[in-house]
Protein backbone atom coordinates (compact mmCIF):
# COMPACT_ATOMS: atom_id res chain seq x y z
CA MET A 1 -37.86 -11.47 17.00
CA LYS A 2 -38.04 -12.98 13.54
CA ALA A 3 -35.89 -15.91 12.56
CA SER A 4 -33.39 -15.50 9.75
CA SER A 5 -34.06 -17.56 6.65
CA THR A 6 -31.44 -20.03 5.41
CA LEU A 7 -33.36 -20.89 2.25
CA GLN A 8 -32.16 -20.27 -1.26
CA ARG A 9 -34.63 -18.99 -3.84
CA SER A 10 -35.40 -22.37 -5.41
CA ARG A 11 -37.89 -25.19 -5.36
CA THR A 12 -36.53 -26.32 -2.00
CA GLU A 13 -38.45 -23.51 -0.33
CA TRP A 14 -41.73 -24.98 -1.60
CA VAL A 15 -41.34 -27.98 0.70
CA GLY A 16 -42.91 -28.14 4.13
CA CYS A 17 -44.86 -30.24 6.61
CA ALA A 18 -48.27 -30.36 8.21
CA GLY A 19 -47.37 -28.63 11.47
CA TRP A 20 -43.96 -27.65 12.78
CA SER A 21 -43.23 -30.37 15.32
CA LEU A 22 -39.53 -31.33 15.07
CA PRO A 23 -38.44 -34.87 15.97
CA THR A 24 -35.49 -34.90 18.35
CA ALA A 25 -33.55 -37.18 16.01
CA HIS A 26 -33.51 -34.45 13.34
CA ALA A 27 -33.08 -31.37 15.52
CA ASN A 28 -29.53 -30.81 14.24
CA ALA A 29 -30.88 -30.11 10.74
CA PHE A 30 -32.40 -26.85 11.99
CA GLY A 31 -31.05 -23.54 13.21
CA ARG A 32 -31.69 -21.83 16.50
CA GLY A 33 -34.92 -20.14 17.51
CA GLN A 34 -37.01 -19.20 20.50
CA SER A 35 -39.79 -21.61 19.49
CA ALA A 36 -40.29 -24.77 17.46
CA LEU A 37 -41.82 -22.65 14.68
CA GLN A 38 -38.77 -20.38 14.52
CA ARG A 39 -36.45 -23.39 14.38
CA TYR A 40 -38.63 -25.01 11.72
CA ALA A 41 -38.50 -21.83 9.63
CA THR A 42 -34.71 -21.90 9.46
CA ARG A 43 -35.00 -24.85 7.07
CA PHE A 44 -38.49 -24.88 5.55
CA GLY A 45 -40.32 -22.08 3.78
CA ARG A 46 -43.84 -23.52 3.96
CA VAL A 47 -46.02 -24.97 6.69
CA GLU A 48 -49.59 -26.20 6.76
CA ILE A 49 -51.70 -25.37 9.81
CA ASN A 50 -53.98 -28.37 10.34
CA SER A 51 -55.16 -27.57 13.87
CA SER A 52 -57.51 -24.91 12.42
CA PHE A 53 -59.57 -27.79 11.01
CA TYR A 54 -60.47 -28.90 14.53
CA ARG A 55 -60.65 -25.65 16.49
CA PRO A 56 -60.46 -21.89 15.88
CA HIS A 57 -57.37 -19.88 16.69
CA ARG A 58 -57.40 -16.33 18.01
CA PRO A 59 -56.43 -13.50 15.65
CA ASP A 60 -53.50 -12.60 17.92
CA THR A 61 -52.25 -16.20 17.69
CA TYR A 62 -52.04 -15.94 13.90
CA ALA A 63 -50.37 -12.52 14.23
CA ARG A 64 -47.79 -13.94 16.66
CA TRP A 65 -47.00 -16.82 14.31
CA ALA A 66 -46.59 -14.41 11.40
CA ASP A 67 -44.24 -12.21 13.39
CA SER A 68 -41.97 -15.14 14.30
CA VAL A 69 -41.01 -16.24 10.78
CA PRO A 70 -38.93 -14.75 7.93
CA ASP A 71 -40.50 -12.41 5.41
CA ASP A 72 -40.52 -15.08 2.68
CA PHE A 73 -42.11 -17.77 4.85
CA ARG A 74 -45.71 -18.74 4.07
CA PHE A 75 -48.50 -20.52 5.96
CA SER A 76 -51.39 -22.46 4.48
CA VAL A 77 -54.41 -22.78 6.75
CA LYS A 78 -56.87 -25.65 6.67
CA MET A 79 -60.50 -24.56 6.69
CA PRO A 80 -62.69 -25.73 9.60
CA GLN A 81 -64.39 -29.11 9.50
CA THR A 82 -67.68 -27.39 10.35
CA ILE A 83 -67.59 -25.92 6.83
CA SER A 84 -66.32 -28.96 4.93
CA HIS A 85 -67.60 -31.96 6.88
CA GLU A 86 -70.60 -30.80 8.91
CA PHE A 87 -72.23 -28.31 6.56
CA CYS A 88 -70.67 -29.94 3.45
CA LEU A 89 -70.38 -26.44 1.91
CA ARG A 90 -74.17 -25.92 2.08
CA GLY A 91 -75.22 -22.74 3.87
CA ALA A 92 -71.73 -22.34 5.29
CA THR A 93 -71.28 -18.71 4.28
CA SER A 94 -71.71 -17.35 7.81
CA LEU A 95 -68.92 -19.64 9.03
CA LEU A 96 -66.41 -18.08 6.65
CA ASP A 97 -66.37 -14.65 8.26
CA PRO A 98 -64.90 -15.47 11.72
CA PHE A 99 -62.41 -17.91 10.18
CA LEU A 100 -61.16 -15.45 7.57
CA HIS A 101 -61.09 -12.55 10.03
CA ALA A 102 -58.68 -14.51 12.22
CA VAL A 103 -56.60 -16.00 9.42
CA HIS A 104 -56.03 -12.65 7.71
CA HIS A 105 -54.00 -11.63 10.78
CA LEU A 106 -51.21 -13.64 9.18
CA GLY A 107 -50.93 -10.70 6.78
CA ASP A 108 -48.63 -11.33 3.85
CA ARG A 109 -47.39 -14.56 5.47
CA LEU A 110 -50.71 -16.15 4.50
CA GLY A 111 -49.87 -18.19 1.44
CA ALA A 112 -52.96 -20.33 0.88
CA LEU A 113 -56.21 -21.67 2.26
CA LEU A 114 -56.80 -25.42 2.15
CA LEU A 115 -60.24 -27.00 1.85
CA GLN A 116 -60.26 -30.77 2.39
CA LEU A 117 -63.59 -32.39 1.55
CA PRO A 118 -64.98 -35.59 3.11
CA PRO A 119 -64.97 -38.77 1.00
CA ARG A 120 -68.79 -38.84 1.01
CA LEU A 121 -69.18 -35.37 -0.51
CA VAL A 122 -70.39 -35.81 -4.09
CA PHE A 123 -69.70 -32.99 -6.54
CA ASP A 124 -72.71 -30.69 -6.87
CA ALA A 125 -71.97 -27.81 -9.23
CA ARG A 126 -74.63 -25.54 -7.73
CA VAL A 127 -73.48 -26.03 -4.14
CA ALA A 128 -69.77 -25.82 -4.98
CA SER A 129 -70.18 -22.72 -7.12
CA ALA A 130 -72.23 -20.92 -4.47
CA PHE A 131 -69.64 -21.68 -1.81
CA PHE A 132 -66.63 -20.69 -3.89
CA ARG A 133 -68.38 -17.53 -5.03
CA ALA A 134 -69.02 -16.56 -1.40
CA LEU A 135 -65.42 -17.39 -0.51
CA ARG A 136 -64.08 -15.29 -3.38
CA HIS A 137 -66.21 -12.33 -2.28
CA ARG A 138 -64.34 -12.45 1.02
CA THR A 139 -60.75 -13.23 0.12
CA ASP A 140 -58.37 -13.17 -2.82
CA SER A 141 -55.98 -15.59 -1.13
CA ALA A 142 -54.83 -18.65 -3.04
CA VAL A 143 -57.18 -21.58 -2.35
CA ALA A 144 -56.50 -25.30 -2.78
CA CYS A 145 -59.23 -27.93 -2.60
CA GLU A 146 -58.64 -31.61 -1.84
CA PRO A 147 -61.79 -33.49 -2.91
CA ARG A 148 -61.93 -37.18 -2.09
CA HIS A 149 -65.04 -38.39 -3.93
CA GLY A 150 -64.53 -39.62 -7.48
CA SER A 151 -67.21 -37.31 -8.87
CA TRP A 152 -64.89 -34.32 -8.44
CA PHE A 153 -62.37 -35.67 -10.94
CA THR A 154 -64.24 -34.77 -14.10
CA ALA A 155 -63.88 -32.10 -16.76
CA SER A 156 -66.91 -30.19 -15.46
CA ALA A 157 -65.67 -30.15 -11.87
CA ASP A 158 -62.22 -29.11 -13.02
CA ALA A 159 -63.69 -26.28 -15.11
CA LEU A 160 -65.67 -25.02 -12.12
CA LEU A 161 -62.54 -24.97 -9.95
CA GLN A 162 -60.68 -23.09 -12.67
CA ARG A 163 -63.49 -20.58 -13.00
CA HIS A 164 -63.22 -19.69 -9.31
CA GLY A 165 -59.42 -19.77 -9.26
CA ILE A 166 -59.22 -22.87 -7.05
CA ALA A 167 -56.31 -25.31 -7.38
CA ARG A 168 -57.09 -29.01 -6.95
CA VAL A 169 -54.66 -30.78 -4.65
CA ALA A 170 -52.47 -33.61 -5.94
CA ALA A 171 -52.76 -36.19 -3.18
CA ASP A 172 -51.04 -39.40 -2.19
CA PRO A 173 -52.44 -41.96 -1.73
CA ALA A 174 -54.70 -41.10 -4.65
CA ARG A 175 -58.26 -42.38 -4.36
CA VAL A 176 -58.62 -42.25 -8.16
CA PRO A 177 -55.76 -41.90 -10.68
CA LEU A 178 -56.47 -38.20 -11.42
CA ALA A 179 -56.27 -37.38 -7.71
CA ALA A 180 -52.50 -37.80 -7.94
CA GLU A 181 -52.21 -34.89 -10.38
CA PRO A 182 -52.71 -31.16 -9.82
CA GLY A 183 -55.92 -29.81 -11.30
CA GLY A 184 -58.25 -26.84 -11.29
CA ALA A 185 -56.46 -23.49 -11.52
CA ARG A 186 -53.01 -24.20 -12.91
CA ASP A 187 -51.06 -21.04 -12.09
CA TRP A 188 -49.77 -22.88 -8.99
CA SER A 189 -49.87 -26.39 -7.52
CA TYR A 190 -50.42 -28.02 -4.16
CA TRP A 191 -49.18 -31.52 -3.32
CA ARG A 192 -50.27 -33.26 -0.10
CA TRP A 193 -48.58 -36.57 0.60
CA HIS A 194 -50.15 -38.35 3.56
CA GLY A 195 -48.00 -41.49 3.80
CA ARG A 196 -48.33 -44.84 2.05
CA PRO A 197 -49.38 -47.61 2.52
CA ARG A 198 -50.63 -46.47 5.94
CA MET A 199 -51.88 -42.90 5.78
CA TYR A 200 -50.25 -40.50 8.25
CA TYR A 201 -47.95 -43.24 9.59
CA SER A 202 -45.84 -44.62 6.73
CA SER A 203 -42.56 -43.15 5.58
CA TYR A 204 -41.72 -42.62 1.91
CA ASP A 205 -38.62 -44.21 0.44
CA ASP A 206 -36.24 -42.51 -1.97
CA ARG A 207 -38.00 -43.94 -5.01
CA ASP A 208 -41.29 -42.34 -3.93
CA LEU A 209 -39.68 -39.01 -3.13
CA LEU A 210 -37.79 -38.97 -6.42
CA ALA A 211 -41.10 -39.54 -8.25
CA LEU A 212 -42.55 -36.57 -6.38
CA ALA A 213 -39.55 -34.39 -7.17
CA ASN A 214 -39.84 -35.30 -10.85
CA ALA A 215 -43.58 -34.56 -10.83
CA VAL A 216 -42.93 -31.12 -9.35
CA GLU A 217 -40.26 -30.40 -11.94
CA ALA A 218 -42.53 -31.54 -14.78
CA ALA A 219 -45.70 -29.79 -13.63
CA GLY A 220 -44.72 -26.22 -14.48
CA GLY A 221 -47.55 -23.75 -14.02
CA GLY A 222 -45.86 -21.54 -11.46
CA PRO A 223 -44.92 -22.05 -7.81
CA ALA A 224 -45.99 -24.96 -5.64
CA TRP A 225 -46.70 -26.17 -2.17
CA ILE A 226 -45.32 -29.61 -1.34
CA ILE A 227 -46.60 -30.75 2.04
CA LEU A 228 -45.65 -33.96 3.84
CA ASP A 229 -48.51 -34.98 6.10
CA ASN A 230 -47.17 -38.33 7.37
CA THR A 231 -46.65 -36.88 10.82
CA ALA A 232 -48.00 -39.60 13.16
CA HIS A 233 -44.63 -41.32 13.61
CA GLY A 234 -42.50 -38.27 12.80
CA HIS A 235 -41.69 -39.21 9.20
CA ALA A 236 -42.78 -35.92 7.61
CA VAL A 237 -39.69 -33.96 8.63
CA PRO A 238 -37.03 -36.44 7.42
CA ASN A 239 -39.01 -37.07 4.22
CA ALA A 240 -39.26 -33.31 3.61
CA LEU A 241 -35.54 -32.84 4.25
CA ARG A 242 -34.72 -35.62 1.80
CA LEU A 243 -37.06 -34.16 -0.80
CA GLN A 244 -35.38 -30.77 -0.41
CA ALA A 245 -32.03 -32.41 -1.07
CA MET A 246 -33.35 -34.10 -4.22
CA LEU A 247 -34.79 -30.85 -5.56
CA GLU A 248 -31.54 -29.05 -4.85
CA GLU A 249 -29.56 -31.76 -6.65
CA SER A 250 -31.92 -31.42 -9.62
CA ARG A 251 -31.47 -27.64 -9.66
CA ARG A 252 -27.70 -27.93 -9.66
CA ALA A 253 -27.79 -30.51 -12.44
């Protein structure tokens, strides 16, 4: 049985977390559901599946997740580390097929694919173009790429991402200044905030979250994903709830 959505059609629905674990201290902020995902989906309209980076999921698992959320809910799915970190995009075409076959069982609840690259992966236009071309032959889903080597933050790398319709993630902490800003294809945006100063562990204060809200408002360029990934100590959910409140206050103003 699908959960009923409590979201208004506004920027608040763009906010979500990496995973749908709900800290007990914030359980009252969510509606009822038969699973943690259903409860999560009563408040958030986006979620990022990170577990797919470490291990494959069965097609029927993706189908079950899709069937448990409202019609306007969307998943992003992180691409396997075998593709990004082991093969470093080289000769990884054969690995795309089983991943995409399973992921496409999300149906229209699939909102985006996320490719996070290792910090050591230097931009190579030939390798990147071959990989993205193979990916685009297999899916027309929205794709966001989070590069972490400075060589990706150049005009030529940005042009290549645009050419293949790939959005570049705006990340925090940013390894180089341009990493904090959305890039690549600009018909949509993807923010991933990992926690600062300690990645995955630190909470964001109101000043940080207000800066993020203002950046989202100023970016334009269509819809967005705003993912809080500081999950290690359970800060993602309260930070995401606070960010939703700020965006709603901005909308009303």
